Amino acid sequence: GHTLVVDGKQYIFHIIPSGILYQD
């Protein structure tokens, strides 16, 4: 489980790579 906090929002990923938050 990878937890990210971006612009005050928390995202937790278990399978998808964390880089998915970048659209490009």
PDBML (XML) file of the C-alpha atoms, coordinates in Angstrom:
<?xml version="1.0" encoding="UTF-8" ?>
<PDBx:datablock datablockName="MODEL"
   xmlns:PDBx="http://pdbml.pdb.org/schema/pdbx-v50.xsd"
   xmlns:xsi="http://www.w3.org/2001/XMLSchema-instance"
   xsi:schemaLocation="http://pdbml.pdb.org/schema/pdbx-v50.xsd pdbx-v50.xsd">
   <PDBx:atom_siteCategory>
      <PDBx:atom_site id="1">
         <PDBx:B_iso_or_equiv>0.00</PDBx:B_iso_or_equiv>
         <PDBx:Cartn_x>0.000</PDBx:Cartn_x>
         <PDBx:Cartn_y>0.000</PDBx:Cartn_y>
         <PDBx:Cartn_z>0.000</PDBx:Cartn_z>
         <PDBx:auth_asym_id>A</PDBx:auth_asym_id>
         <PDBx:auth_atom_id>CA</PDBx:auth_atom_id>
         <PDBx:auth_comp_id>GLY</PDBx:auth_comp_id>
         <PDBx:auth_seq_id>1</PDBx:auth_seq_id>
         <PDBx:group_PDB>ATOM</PDBx:group_PDB>
         <PDBx:label_alt_id xsi:nil="true" />
         <PDBx:label_asym_id>A</PDBx:label_asym_id>
         <PDBx:label_atom_id>CA</PDBx:label_atom_id>
         <PDBx:label_comp_id>GLY</PDBx:label_comp_id>
         <PDBx:label_entity_id>1</PDBx:label_entity_id>
         <PDBx:label_seq_id>1</PDBx:label_seq_id>
         <PDBx:occupancy>1.00</PDBx:occupancy>
         <PDBx:pdbx_PDB_model_num>1</PDBx:pdbx_PDB_model_num>
         <PDBx:type_symbol>C</PDBx:type_symbol>
      </PDBx:atom_site>
      <PDBx:atom_site id="2">
         <PDBx:B_iso_or_equiv>0.00</PDBx:B_iso_or_equiv>
         <PDBx:Cartn_x>1.436</PDBx:Cartn_x>
         <PDBx:Cartn_y>3.334</PDBx:Cartn_y>
         <PDBx:Cartn_z>-1.079</PDBx:Cartn_z>
         <PDBx:auth_asym_id>A</PDBx:auth_asym_id>
         <PDBx:auth_atom_id>CA</PDBx:auth_atom_id>
         <PDBx:auth_comp_id>HIS</PDBx:auth_comp_id>
         <PDBx:auth_seq_id>2</PDBx:auth_seq_id>
         <PDBx:group_PDB>ATOM</PDBx:group_PDB>
         <PDBx:label_alt_id xsi:nil="true" />
         <PDBx:label_asym_id>A</PDBx:label_asym_id>
         <PDBx:label_atom_id>CA</PDBx:label_atom_id>
         <PDBx:label_comp_id>HIS</PDBx:label_comp_id>
         <PDBx:label_entity_id>1</PDBx:label_entity_id>
         <PDBx:label_seq_id>2</PDBx:label_seq_id>
         <PDBx:occupancy>1.00</PDBx:occupancy>
         <PDBx:pdbx_PDB_model_num>1</PDBx:pdbx_PDB_model_num>
         <PDBx:type_symbol>C</PDBx:type_symbol>
      </PDBx:atom_site>
      <PDBx:atom_site id="3">
         <PDBx:B_iso_or_equiv>0.00</PDBx:B_iso_or_equiv>
         <PDBx:Cartn_x>-0.062</PDBx:Cartn_x>
         <PDBx:Cartn_y>6.455</PDBx:Cartn_y>
         <PDBx:Cartn_z>0.476</PDBx:Cartn_z>
         <PDBx:auth_asym_id>A</PDBx:auth_asym_id>
         <PDBx:auth_atom_id>CA</PDBx:auth_atom_id>
         <PDBx:auth_comp_id>THR</PDBx:auth_comp_id>
         <PDBx:auth_seq_id>3</PDBx:auth_seq_id>
         <PDBx:group_PDB>ATOM</PDBx:group_PDB>
         <PDBx:label_alt_id xsi:nil="true" />
         <PDBx:label_asym_id>A</PDBx:label_asym_id>
         <PDBx:label_atom_id>CA</PDBx:label_atom_id>
         <PDBx:label_comp_id>THR</PDBx:label_comp_id>
         <PDBx:label_entity_id>1</PDBx:label_entity_id>
         <PDBx:label_seq_id>3</PDBx:label_seq_id>
         <PDBx:occupancy>1.00</PDBx:occupancy>
         <PDBx:pdbx_PDB_model_num>1</PDBx:pdbx_PDB_model_num>
         <PDBx:type_symbol>C</PDBx:type_symbol>
      </PDBx:atom_site>
      <PDBx:atom_site id="4">
         <PDBx:B_iso_or_equiv>0.00</PDBx:B_iso_or_equiv>
         <PDBx:Cartn_x>0.262</PDBx:Cartn_x>
         <PDBx:Cartn_y>9.877</PDBx:Cartn_y>
         <PDBx:Cartn_z>-1.168</PDBx:Cartn_z>
         <PDBx:auth_asym_id>A</PDBx:auth_asym_id>
         <PDBx:auth_atom_id>CA</PDBx:auth_atom_id>
         <PDBx:auth_comp_id>LEU</PDBx:auth_comp_id>
         <PDBx:auth_seq_id>4</PDBx:auth_seq_id>
         <PDBx:group_PDB>ATOM</PDBx:group_PDB>
         <PDBx:label_alt_id xsi:nil="true" />
         <PDBx:label_asym_id>A</PDBx:label_asym_id>
         <PDBx:label_atom_id>CA</PDBx:label_atom_id>
         <PDBx:label_comp_id>LEU</PDBx:label_comp_id>
         <PDBx:label_entity_id>1</PDBx:label_entity_id>
         <PDBx:label_seq_id>4</PDBx:label_seq_id>
         <PDBx:occupancy>1.00</PDBx:occupancy>
         <PDBx:pdbx_PDB_model_num>1</PDBx:pdbx_PDB_model_num>
         <PDBx:type_symbol>C</PDBx:type_symbol>
      </PDBx:atom_site>
      <PDBx:atom_site id="5">
         <PDBx:B_iso_or_equiv>0.00</PDBx:B_iso_or_equiv>
         <PDBx:Cartn_x>-0.951</PDBx:Cartn_x>
         <PDBx:Cartn_y>13.286</PDBx:Cartn_y>
         <PDBx:Cartn_z>-0.059</PDBx:Cartn_z>
         <PDBx:auth_asym_id>A</PDBx:auth_asym_id>
         <PDBx:auth_atom_id>CA</PDBx:auth_atom_id>
         <PDBx:auth_comp_id>VAL</PDBx:auth_comp_id>
         <PDBx:auth_seq_id>5</PDBx:auth_seq_id>
         <PDBx:group_PDB>ATOM</PDBx:group_PDB>
         <PDBx:label_alt_id xsi:nil="true" />
         <PDBx:label_asym_id>A</PDBx:label_asym_id>
         <PDBx:label_atom_id>CA</PDBx:label_atom_id>
         <PDBx:label_comp_id>VAL</PDBx:label_comp_id>
         <PDBx:label_entity_id>1</PDBx:label_entity_id>
         <PDBx:label_seq_id>5</PDBx:label_seq_id>
         <PDBx:occupancy>1.00</PDBx:occupancy>
         <PDBx:pdbx_PDB_model_num>1</PDBx:pdbx_PDB_model_num>
         <PDBx:type_symbol>C</PDBx:type_symbol>
      </PDBx:atom_site>
      <PDBx:atom_site id="6">
         <PDBx:B_iso_or_equiv>0.00</PDBx:B_iso_or_equiv>
         <PDBx:Cartn_x>-1.334</PDBx:Cartn_x>
         <PDBx:Cartn_y>15.671</PDBx:Cartn_y>
         <PDBx:Cartn_z>-3.002</PDBx:Cartn_z>
         <PDBx:auth_asym_id>A</PDBx:auth_asym_id>
         <PDBx:auth_atom_id>CA</PDBx:auth_atom_id>
         <PDBx:auth_comp_id>VAL</PDBx:auth_comp_id>
         <PDBx:auth_seq_id>6</PDBx:auth_seq_id>
         <PDBx:group_PDB>ATOM</PDBx:group_PDB>
         <PDBx:label_alt_id xsi:nil="true" />
         <PDBx:label_asym_id>A</PDBx:label_asym_id>
         <PDBx:label_atom_id>CA</PDBx:label_atom_id>
         <PDBx:label_comp_id>VAL</PDBx:label_comp_id>
         <PDBx:label_entity_id>1</PDBx:label_entity_id>
         <PDBx:label_seq_id>6</PDBx:label_seq_id>
         <PDBx:occupancy>1.00</PDBx:occupancy>
         <PDBx:pdbx_PDB_model_num>1</PDBx:pdbx_PDB_model_num>
         <PDBx:type_symbol>C</PDBx:type_symbol>
      </PDBx:atom_site>
      <PDBx:atom_site id="7">
         <PDBx:B_iso_or_equiv>0.00</PDBx:B_iso_or_equiv>
         <PDBx:Cartn_x>-3.014</PDBx:Cartn_x>
         <PDBx:Cartn_y>19.065</PDBx:Cartn_y>
         <PDBx:Cartn_z>-2.691</PDBx:Cartn_z>
         <PDBx:auth_asym_id>A</PDBx:auth_asym_id>
         <PDBx:auth_atom_id>CA</PDBx:auth_atom_id>
         <PDBx:auth_comp_id>ASP</PDBx:auth_comp_id>
         <PDBx:auth_seq_id>7</PDBx:auth_seq_id>
         <PDBx:group_PDB>ATOM</PDBx:group_PDB>
         <PDBx:label_alt_id xsi:nil="true" />
         <PDBx:label_asym_id>A</PDBx:label_asym_id>
         <PDBx:label_atom_id>CA</PDBx:label_atom_id>
         <PDBx:label_comp_id>ASP</PDBx:label_comp_id>
         <PDBx:label_entity_id>1</PDBx:label_entity_id>
         <PDBx:label_seq_id>7</PDBx:label_seq_id>
         <PDBx:occupancy>1.00</PDBx:occupancy>
         <PDBx:pdbx_PDB_model_num>1</PDBx:pdbx_PDB_model_num>
         <PDBx:type_symbol>C</PDBx:type_symbol>
      </PDBx:atom_site>
      <PDBx:atom_site id="8">
         <PDBx:B_iso_or_equiv>0.00</PDBx:B_iso_or_equiv>
         <PDBx:Cartn_x>-4.480</PDBx:Cartn_x>
         <PDBx:Cartn_y>17.967</PDBx:Cartn_y>
         <PDBx:Cartn_z>0.625</PDBx:Cartn_z>
         <PDBx:auth_asym_id>A</PDBx:auth_asym_id>
         <PDBx:auth_atom_id>CA</PDBx:auth_atom_id>
         <PDBx:auth_comp_id>GLY</PDBx:auth_comp_id>
         <PDBx:auth_seq_id>8</PDBx:auth_seq_id>
         <PDBx:group_PDB>ATOM</PDBx:group_PDB>
         <PDBx:label_alt_id xsi:nil="true" />
         <PDBx:label_asym_id>A</PDBx:label_asym_id>
         <PDBx:label_atom_id>CA</PDBx:label_atom_id>
         <PDBx:label_comp_id>GLY</PDBx:label_comp_id>
         <PDBx:label_entity_id>1</PDBx:label_entity_id>
         <PDBx:label_seq_id>8</PDBx:label_seq_id>
         <PDBx:occupancy>1.00</PDBx:occupancy>
         <PDBx:pdbx_PDB_model_num>1</PDBx:pdbx_PDB_model_num>
         <PDBx:type_symbol>C</PDBx:type_symbol>
      </PDBx:atom_site>
      <PDBx:atom_site id="9">
         <PDBx:B_iso_or_equiv>0.00</PDBx:B_iso_or_equiv>
         <PDBx:Cartn_x>-6.045</PDBx:Cartn_x>
         <PDBx:Cartn_y>14.814</PDBx:Cartn_y>
         <PDBx:Cartn_z>-0.894</PDBx:Cartn_z>
         <PDBx:auth_asym_id>A</PDBx:auth_asym_id>
         <PDBx:auth_atom_id>CA</PDBx:auth_atom_id>
         <PDBx:auth_comp_id>LYS</PDBx:auth_comp_id>
         <PDBx:auth_seq_id>9</PDBx:auth_seq_id>
         <PDBx:group_PDB>ATOM</PDBx:group_PDB>
         <PDBx:label_alt_id xsi:nil="true" />
         <PDBx:label_asym_id>A</PDBx:label_asym_id>
         <PDBx:label_atom_id>CA</PDBx:label_atom_id>
         <PDBx:label_comp_id>LYS</PDBx:label_comp_id>
         <PDBx:label_entity_id>1</PDBx:label_entity_id>
         <PDBx:label_seq_id>9</PDBx:label_seq_id>
         <PDBx:occupancy>1.00</PDBx:occupancy>
         <PDBx:pdbx_PDB_model_num>1</PDBx:pdbx_PDB_model_num>
         <PDBx:type_symbol>C</PDBx:type_symbol>
      </PDBx:atom_site>
      <PDBx:atom_site id="10">
         <PDBx:B_iso_or_equiv>0.00</PDBx:B_iso_or_equiv>
         <PDBx:Cartn_x>-4.961</PDBx:Cartn_x>
         <PDBx:Cartn_y>11.356</PDBx:Cartn_y>
         <PDBx:Cartn_z>0.207</PDBx:Cartn_z>
         <PDBx:auth_asym_id>A</PDBx:auth_asym_id>
         <PDBx:auth_atom_id>CA</PDBx:auth_atom_id>
         <PDBx:auth_comp_id>GLN</PDBx:auth_comp_id>
         <PDBx:auth_seq_id>10</PDBx:auth_seq_id>
         <PDBx:group_PDB>ATOM</PDBx:group_PDB>
         <PDBx:label_alt_id xsi:nil="true" />
         <PDBx:label_asym_id>A</PDBx:label_asym_id>
         <PDBx:label_atom_id>CA</PDBx:label_atom_id>
         <PDBx:label_comp_id>GLN</PDBx:label_comp_id>
         <PDBx:label_entity_id>1</PDBx:label_entity_id>
         <PDBx:label_seq_id>10</PDBx:label_seq_id>
         <PDBx:occupancy>1.00</PDBx:occupancy>
         <PDBx:pdbx_PDB_model_num>1</PDBx:pdbx_PDB_model_num>
         <PDBx:type_symbol>C</PDBx:type_symbol>
      </PDBx:atom_site>
      <PDBx:atom_site id="11">
         <PDBx:B_iso_or_equiv>0.00</PDBx:B_iso_or_equiv>
         <PDBx:Cartn_x>-4.515</PDBx:Cartn_x>
         <PDBx:Cartn_y>8.596</PDBx:Cartn_y>
         <PDBx:Cartn_z>-2.356</PDBx:Cartn_z>
         <PDBx:auth_asym_id>A</PDBx:auth_asym_id>
         <PDBx:auth_atom_id>CA</PDBx:auth_atom_id>
         <PDBx:auth_comp_id>TYR</PDBx:auth_comp_id>
         <PDBx:auth_seq_id>11</PDBx:auth_seq_id>
         <PDBx:group_PDB>ATOM</PDBx:group_PDB>
         <PDBx:label_alt_id xsi:nil="true" />
         <PDBx:label_asym_id>A</PDBx:label_asym_id>
         <PDBx:label_atom_id>CA</PDBx:label_atom_id>
         <PDBx:label_comp_id>TYR</PDBx:label_comp_id>
         <PDBx:label_entity_id>1</PDBx:label_entity_id>
         <PDBx:label_seq_id>11</PDBx:label_seq_id>
         <PDBx:occupancy>1.00</PDBx:occupancy>
         <PDBx:pdbx_PDB_model_num>1</PDBx:pdbx_PDB_model_num>
         <PDBx:type_symbol>C</PDBx:type_symbol>
      </PDBx:atom_site>
      <PDBx:atom_site id="12">
         <PDBx:B_iso_or_equiv>0.00</PDBx:B_iso_or_equiv>
         <PDBx:Cartn_x>-3.772</PDBx:Cartn_x>
         <PDBx:Cartn_y>4.957</PDBx:Cartn_y>
         <PDBx:Cartn_z>-1.480</PDBx:Cartn_z>
         <PDBx:auth_asym_id>A</PDBx:auth_asym_id>
         <PDBx:auth_atom_id>CA</PDBx:auth_atom_id>
         <PDBx:auth_comp_id>ILE</PDBx:auth_comp_id>
         <PDBx:auth_seq_id>12</PDBx:auth_seq_id>
         <PDBx:group_PDB>ATOM</PDBx:group_PDB>
         <PDBx:label_alt_id xsi:nil="true" />
         <PDBx:label_asym_id>A</PDBx:label_asym_id>
         <PDBx:label_atom_id>CA</PDBx:label_atom_id>
         <PDBx:label_comp_id>ILE</PDBx:label_comp_id>
         <PDBx:label_entity_id>1</PDBx:label_entity_id>
         <PDBx:label_seq_id>12</PDBx:label_seq_id>
         <PDBx:occupancy>1.00</PDBx:occupancy>
         <PDBx:pdbx_PDB_model_num>1</PDBx:pdbx_PDB_model_num>
         <PDBx:type_symbol>C</PDBx:type_symbol>
      </PDBx:atom_site>
      <PDBx:atom_site id="13">
         <PDBx:B_iso_or_equiv>0.00</PDBx:B_iso_or_equiv>
         <PDBx:Cartn_x>-2.595</PDBx:Cartn_x>
         <PDBx:Cartn_y>2.630</PDBx:Cartn_y>
         <PDBx:Cartn_z>-4.226</PDBx:Cartn_z>
         <PDBx:auth_asym_id>A</PDBx:auth_asym_id>
         <PDBx:auth_atom_id>CA</PDBx:auth_atom_id>
         <PDBx:auth_comp_id>PHE</PDBx:auth_comp_id>
         <PDBx:auth_seq_id>13</PDBx:auth_seq_id>
         <PDBx:group_PDB>ATOM</PDBx:group_PDB>
         <PDBx:label_alt_id xsi:nil="true" />
         <PDBx:label_asym_id>A</PDBx:label_asym_id>
         <PDBx:label_atom_id>CA</PDBx:label_atom_id>
         <PDBx:label_comp_id>PHE</PDBx:label_comp_id>
         <PDBx:label_entity_id>1</PDBx:label_entity_id>
         <PDBx:label_seq_id>13</PDBx:label_seq_id>
         <PDBx:occupancy>1.00</PDBx:occupancy>
         <PDBx:pdbx_PDB_model_num>1</PDBx:pdbx_PDB_model_num>
         <PDBx:type_symbol>C</PDBx:type_symbol>
      </PDBx:atom_site>
      <PDBx:atom_site id="14">
         <PDBx:B_iso_or_equiv>0.00</PDBx:B_iso_or_equiv>
         <PDBx:Cartn_x>-2.245</PDBx:Cartn_x>
         <PDBx:Cartn_y>-1.139</PDBx:Cartn_y>
         <PDBx:Cartn_z>-3.911</PDBx:Cartn_z>
         <PDBx:auth_asym_id>A</PDBx:auth_asym_id>
         <PDBx:auth_atom_id>CA</PDBx:auth_atom_id>
         <PDBx:auth_comp_id>HIS</PDBx:auth_comp_id>
         <PDBx:auth_seq_id>14</PDBx:auth_seq_id>
         <PDBx:group_PDB>ATOM</PDBx:group_PDB>
         <PDBx:label_alt_id xsi:nil="true" />
         <PDBx:label_asym_id>A</PDBx:label_asym_id>
         <PDBx:label_atom_id>CA</PDBx:label_atom_id>
         <PDBx:label_comp_id>HIS</PDBx:label_comp_id>
         <PDBx:label_entity_id>1</PDBx:label_entity_id>
         <PDBx:label_seq_id>14</PDBx:label_seq_id>
         <PDBx:occupancy>1.00</PDBx:occupancy>
         <PDBx:pdbx_PDB_model_num>1</PDBx:pdbx_PDB_model_num>
         <PDBx:type_symbol>C</PDBx:type_symbol>
      </PDBx:atom_site>
      <PDBx:atom_site id="15">
         <PDBx:B_iso_or_equiv>0.00</PDBx:B_iso_or_equiv>
         <PDBx:Cartn_x>-1.599</PDBx:Cartn_x>
         <PDBx:Cartn_y>-2.200</PDBx:Cartn_y>
         <PDBx:Cartn_z>-7.516</PDBx:Cartn_z>
         <PDBx:auth_asym_id>A</PDBx:auth_asym_id>
         <PDBx:auth_atom_id>CA</PDBx:auth_atom_id>
         <PDBx:auth_comp_id>ILE</PDBx:auth_comp_id>
         <PDBx:auth_seq_id>15</PDBx:auth_seq_id>
         <PDBx:group_PDB>ATOM</PDBx:group_PDB>
         <PDBx:label_alt_id xsi:nil="true" />
         <PDBx:label_asym_id>A</PDBx:label_asym_id>
         <PDBx:label_atom_id>CA</PDBx:label_atom_id>
         <PDBx:label_comp_id>ILE</PDBx:label_comp_id>
         <PDBx:label_entity_id>1</PDBx:label_entity_id>
         <PDBx:label_seq_id>15</PDBx:label_seq_id>
         <PDBx:occupancy>1.00</PDBx:occupancy>
         <PDBx:pdbx_PDB_model_num>1</PDBx:pdbx_PDB_model_num>
         <PDBx:type_symbol>C</PDBx:type_symbol>
      </PDBx:atom_site>
      <PDBx:atom_site id="16">
         <PDBx:B_iso_or_equiv>0.00</PDBx:B_iso_or_equiv>
         <PDBx:Cartn_x>-1.536</PDBx:Cartn_x>
         <PDBx:Cartn_y>0.784</PDBx:Cartn_y>
         <PDBx:Cartn_z>-9.871</PDBx:Cartn_z>
         <PDBx:auth_asym_id>A</PDBx:auth_asym_id>
         <PDBx:auth_atom_id>CA</PDBx:auth_atom_id>
         <PDBx:auth_comp_id>ILE</PDBx:auth_comp_id>
         <PDBx:auth_seq_id>16</PDBx:auth_seq_id>
         <PDBx:group_PDB>ATOM</PDBx:group_PDB>
         <PDBx:label_alt_id xsi:nil="true" />
         <PDBx:label_asym_id>A</PDBx:label_asym_id>
         <PDBx:label_atom_id>CA</PDBx:label_atom_id>
         <PDBx:label_comp_id>ILE</PDBx:label_comp_id>
         <PDBx:label_entity_id>1</PDBx:label_entity_id>
         <PDBx:label_seq_id>16</PDBx:label_seq_id>
         <PDBx:occupancy>1.00</PDBx:occupancy>
         <PDBx:pdbx_PDB_model_num>1</PDBx:pdbx_PDB_model_num>
         <PDBx:type_symbol>C</PDBx:type_symbol>
      </PDBx:atom_site>
      <PDBx:atom_site id="17">
         <PDBx:B_iso_or_equiv>0.00</PDBx:B_iso_or_equiv>
         <PDBx:Cartn_x>1.848</PDBx:Cartn_x>
         <PDBx:Cartn_y>2.569</PDBx:Cartn_y>
         <PDBx:Cartn_z>-9.897</PDBx:Cartn_z>
         <PDBx:auth_asym_id>A</PDBx:auth_asym_id>
         <PDBx:auth_atom_id>CA</PDBx:auth_atom_id>
         <PDBx:auth_comp_id>PRO</PDBx:auth_comp_id>
         <PDBx:auth_seq_id>17</PDBx:auth_seq_id>
         <PDBx:group_PDB>ATOM</PDBx:group_PDB>
         <PDBx:label_alt_id xsi:nil="true" />
         <PDBx:label_asym_id>A</PDBx:label_asym_id>
         <PDBx:label_atom_id>CA</PDBx:label_atom_id>
         <PDBx:label_comp_id>PRO</PDBx:label_comp_id>
         <PDBx:label_entity_id>1</PDBx:label_entity_id>
         <PDBx:label_seq_id>17</PDBx:label_seq_id>
         <PDBx:occupancy>1.00</PDBx:occupancy>
         <PDBx:pdbx_PDB_model_num>1</PDBx:pdbx_PDB_model_num>
         <PDBx:type_symbol>C</PDBx:type_symbol>
      </PDBx:atom_site>
      <PDBx:atom_site id="18">
         <PDBx:B_iso_or_equiv>0.00</PDBx:B_iso_or_equiv>
         <PDBx:Cartn_x>1.857</PDBx:Cartn_x>
         <PDBx:Cartn_y>5.837</PDBx:Cartn_y>
         <PDBx:Cartn_z>-7.967</PDBx:Cartn_z>
         <PDBx:auth_asym_id>A</PDBx:auth_asym_id>
         <PDBx:auth_atom_id>CA</PDBx:auth_atom_id>
         <PDBx:auth_comp_id>SER</PDBx:auth_comp_id>
         <PDBx:auth_seq_id>18</PDBx:auth_seq_id>
         <PDBx:group_PDB>ATOM</PDBx:group_PDB>
         <PDBx:label_alt_id xsi:nil="true" />
         <PDBx:label_asym_id>A</PDBx:label_asym_id>
         <PDBx:label_atom_id>CA</PDBx:label_atom_id>
         <PDBx:label_comp_id>SER</PDBx:label_comp_id>
         <PDBx:label_entity_id>1</PDBx:label_entity_id>
         <PDBx:label_seq_id>18</PDBx:label_seq_id>
         <PDBx:occupancy>1.00</PDBx:occupancy>
         <PDBx:pdbx_PDB_model_num>1</PDBx:pdbx_PDB_model_num>
         <PDBx:type_symbol>C</PDBx:type_symbol>
      </PDBx:atom_site>
      <PDBx:atom_site id="19">
         <PDBx:B_iso_or_equiv>0.00</PDBx:B_iso_or_equiv>
         <PDBx:Cartn_x>2.793</PDBx:Cartn_x>
         <PDBx:Cartn_y>7.711</PDBx:Cartn_y>
         <PDBx:Cartn_z>-11.128</PDBx:Cartn_z>
         <PDBx:auth_asym_id>A</PDBx:auth_asym_id>
         <PDBx:auth_atom_id>CA</PDBx:auth_atom_id>
         <PDBx:auth_comp_id>GLY</PDBx:auth_comp_id>
         <PDBx:auth_seq_id>19</PDBx:auth_seq_id>
         <PDBx:group_PDB>ATOM</PDBx:group_PDB>
         <PDBx:label_alt_id xsi:nil="true" />
         <PDBx:label_asym_id>A</PDBx:label_asym_id>
         <PDBx:label_atom_id>CA</PDBx:label_atom_id>
         <PDBx:label_comp_id>GLY</PDBx:label_comp_id>
         <PDBx:label_entity_id>1</PDBx:label_entity_id>
         <PDBx:label_seq_id>19</PDBx:label_seq_id>
         <PDBx:occupancy>1.00</PDBx:occupancy>
         <PDBx:pdbx_PDB_model_num>1</PDBx:pdbx_PDB_model_num>
         <PDBx:type_symbol>C</PDBx:type_symbol>
      </PDBx:atom_site>
      <PDBx:atom_site id="20">
         <PDBx:B_iso_or_equiv>0.00</PDBx:B_iso_or_equiv>
         <PDBx:Cartn_x>-0.787</PDBx:Cartn_x>
         <PDBx:Cartn_y>7.429</PDBx:Cartn_y>
         <PDBx:Cartn_z>-12.345</PDBx:Cartn_z>
         <PDBx:auth_asym_id>A</PDBx:auth_asym_id>
         <PDBx:auth_atom_id>CA</PDBx:auth_atom_id>
         <PDBx:auth_comp_id>ILE</PDBx:auth_comp_id>
         <PDBx:auth_seq_id>20</PDBx:auth_seq_id>
         <PDBx:group_PDB>ATOM</PDBx:group_PDB>
         <PDBx:label_alt_id xsi:nil="true" />
         <PDBx:label_asym_id>A</PDBx:label_asym_id>
         <PDBx:label_atom_id>CA</PDBx:label_atom_id>
         <PDBx:label_comp_id>ILE</PDBx:label_comp_id>
         <PDBx:label_entity_id>1</PDBx:label_entity_id>
         <PDBx:label_seq_id>20</PDBx:label_seq_id>
         <PDBx:occupancy>1.00</PDBx:occupancy>
         <PDBx:pdbx_PDB_model_num>1</PDBx:pdbx_PDB_model_num>
         <PDBx:type_symbol>C</PDBx:type_symbol>
      </PDBx:atom_site>
      <PDBx:atom_site id="21">
         <PDBx:B_iso_or_equiv>0.00</PDBx:B_iso_or_equiv>
         <PDBx:Cartn_x>-1.508</PDBx:Cartn_x>
         <PDBx:Cartn_y>10.829</PDBx:Cartn_y>
         <PDBx:Cartn_z>-10.731</PDBx:Cartn_z>
         <PDBx:auth_asym_id>A</PDBx:auth_asym_id>
         <PDBx:auth_atom_id>CA</PDBx:auth_atom_id>
         <PDBx:auth_comp_id>LEU</PDBx:auth_comp_id>
         <PDBx:auth_seq_id>21</PDBx:auth_seq_id>
         <PDBx:group_PDB>ATOM</PDBx:group_PDB>
         <PDBx:label_alt_id xsi:nil="true" />
         <PDBx:label_asym_id>A</PDBx:label_asym_id>
         <PDBx:label_atom_id>CA</PDBx:label_atom_id>
         <PDBx:label_comp_id>LEU</PDBx:label_comp_id>
         <PDBx:label_entity_id>1</PDBx:label_entity_id>
         <PDBx:label_seq_id>21</PDBx:label_seq_id>
         <PDBx:occupancy>1.00</PDBx:occupancy>
         <PDBx:pdbx_PDB_model_num>1</PDBx:pdbx_PDB_model_num>
         <PDBx:type_symbol>C</PDBx:type_symbol>
      </PDBx:atom_site>
      <PDBx:atom_site id="22">
         <PDBx:B_iso_or_equiv>0.00</PDBx:B_iso_or_equiv>
         <PDBx:Cartn_x>0.478</PDBx:Cartn_x>
         <PDBx:Cartn_y>12.438</PDBx:Cartn_y>
         <PDBx:Cartn_z>-13.564</PDBx:Cartn_z>
         <PDBx:auth_asym_id>A</PDBx:auth_asym_id>
         <PDBx:auth_atom_id>CA</PDBx:auth_atom_id>
         <PDBx:auth_comp_id>TYR</PDBx:auth_comp_id>
         <PDBx:auth_seq_id>22</PDBx:auth_seq_id>
         <PDBx:group_PDB>ATOM</PDBx:group_PDB>
         <PDBx:label_alt_id xsi:nil="true" />
         <PDBx:label_asym_id>A</PDBx:label_asym_id>
         <PDBx:label_atom_id>CA</PDBx:label_atom_id>
         <PDBx:label_comp_id>TYR</PDBx:label_comp_id>
         <PDBx:label_entity_id>1</PDBx:label_entity_id>
         <PDBx:label_seq_id>22</PDBx:label_seq_id>
         <PDBx:occupancy>1.00</PDBx:occupancy>
         <PDBx:pdbx_PDB_model_num>1</PDBx:pdbx_PDB_model_num>
         <PDBx:type_symbol>C</PDBx:type_symbol>
      </PDBx:atom_site>
      <PDBx:atom_site id="23">
         <PDBx:B_iso_or_equiv>0.00</PDBx:B_iso_or_equiv>
         <PDBx:Cartn_x>-1.670</PDBx:Cartn_x>
         <PDBx:Cartn_y>12.616</PDBx:Cartn_y>
         <PDBx:Cartn_z>-16.691</PDBx:Cartn_z>
         <PDBx:auth_asym_id>A</PDBx:auth_asym_id>
         <PDBx:auth_atom_id>CA</PDBx:auth_atom_id>
         <PDBx:auth_comp_id>GLN</PDBx:auth_comp_id>
         <PDBx:auth_seq_id>23</PDBx:auth_seq_id>
         <PDBx:group_PDB>ATOM</PDBx:group_PDB>
         <PDBx:label_alt_id xsi:nil="true" />
         <PDBx:label_asym_id>A</PDBx:label_asym_id>
         <PDBx:label_atom_id>CA</PDBx:label_atom_id>
         <PDBx:label_comp_id>GLN</PDBx:label_comp_id>
         <PDBx:label_entity_id>1</PDBx:label_entity_id>
         <PDBx:label_seq_id>23</PDBx:label_seq_id>
         <PDBx:occupancy>1.00</PDBx:occupancy>
         <PDBx:pdbx_PDB_model_num>1</PDBx:pdbx_PDB_model_num>
         <PDBx:type_symbol>C</PDBx:type_symbol>
      </PDBx:atom_site>
      <PDBx:atom_site id="24">
         <PDBx:B_iso_or_equiv>0.00</PDBx:B_iso_or_equiv>
         <PDBx:Cartn_x>1.310</PDBx:Cartn_x>
         <PDBx:Cartn_y>12.665</PDBx:Cartn_y>
         <PDBx:Cartn_z>-19.077</PDBx:Cartn_z>
         <PDBx:auth_asym_id>A</PDBx:auth_asym_id>
         <PDBx:auth_atom_id>CA</PDBx:auth_atom_id>
         <PDBx:auth_comp_id>ASP</PDBx:auth_comp_id>
         <PDBx:auth_seq_id>24</PDBx:auth_seq_id>
         <PDBx:group_PDB>ATOM</PDBx:group_PDB>
         <PDBx:label_alt_id xsi:nil="true" />
         <PDBx:label_asym_id>A</PDBx:label_asym_id>
         <PDBx:label_atom_id>CA</PDBx:label_atom_id>
         <PDBx:label_comp_id>ASP</PDBx:label_comp_id>
         <PDBx:label_entity_id>1</PDBx:label_entity_id>
         <PDBx:label_seq_id>24</PDBx:label_seq_id>
         <PDBx:occupancy>1.00</PDBx:occupancy>
         <PDBx:pdbx_PDB_model_num>1</PDBx:pdbx_PDB_model_num>
         <PDBx:type_symbol>C</PDBx:type_symbol>
      </PDBx:atom_site>
   </PDBx:atom_siteCategory>
</PDBx:datablock>
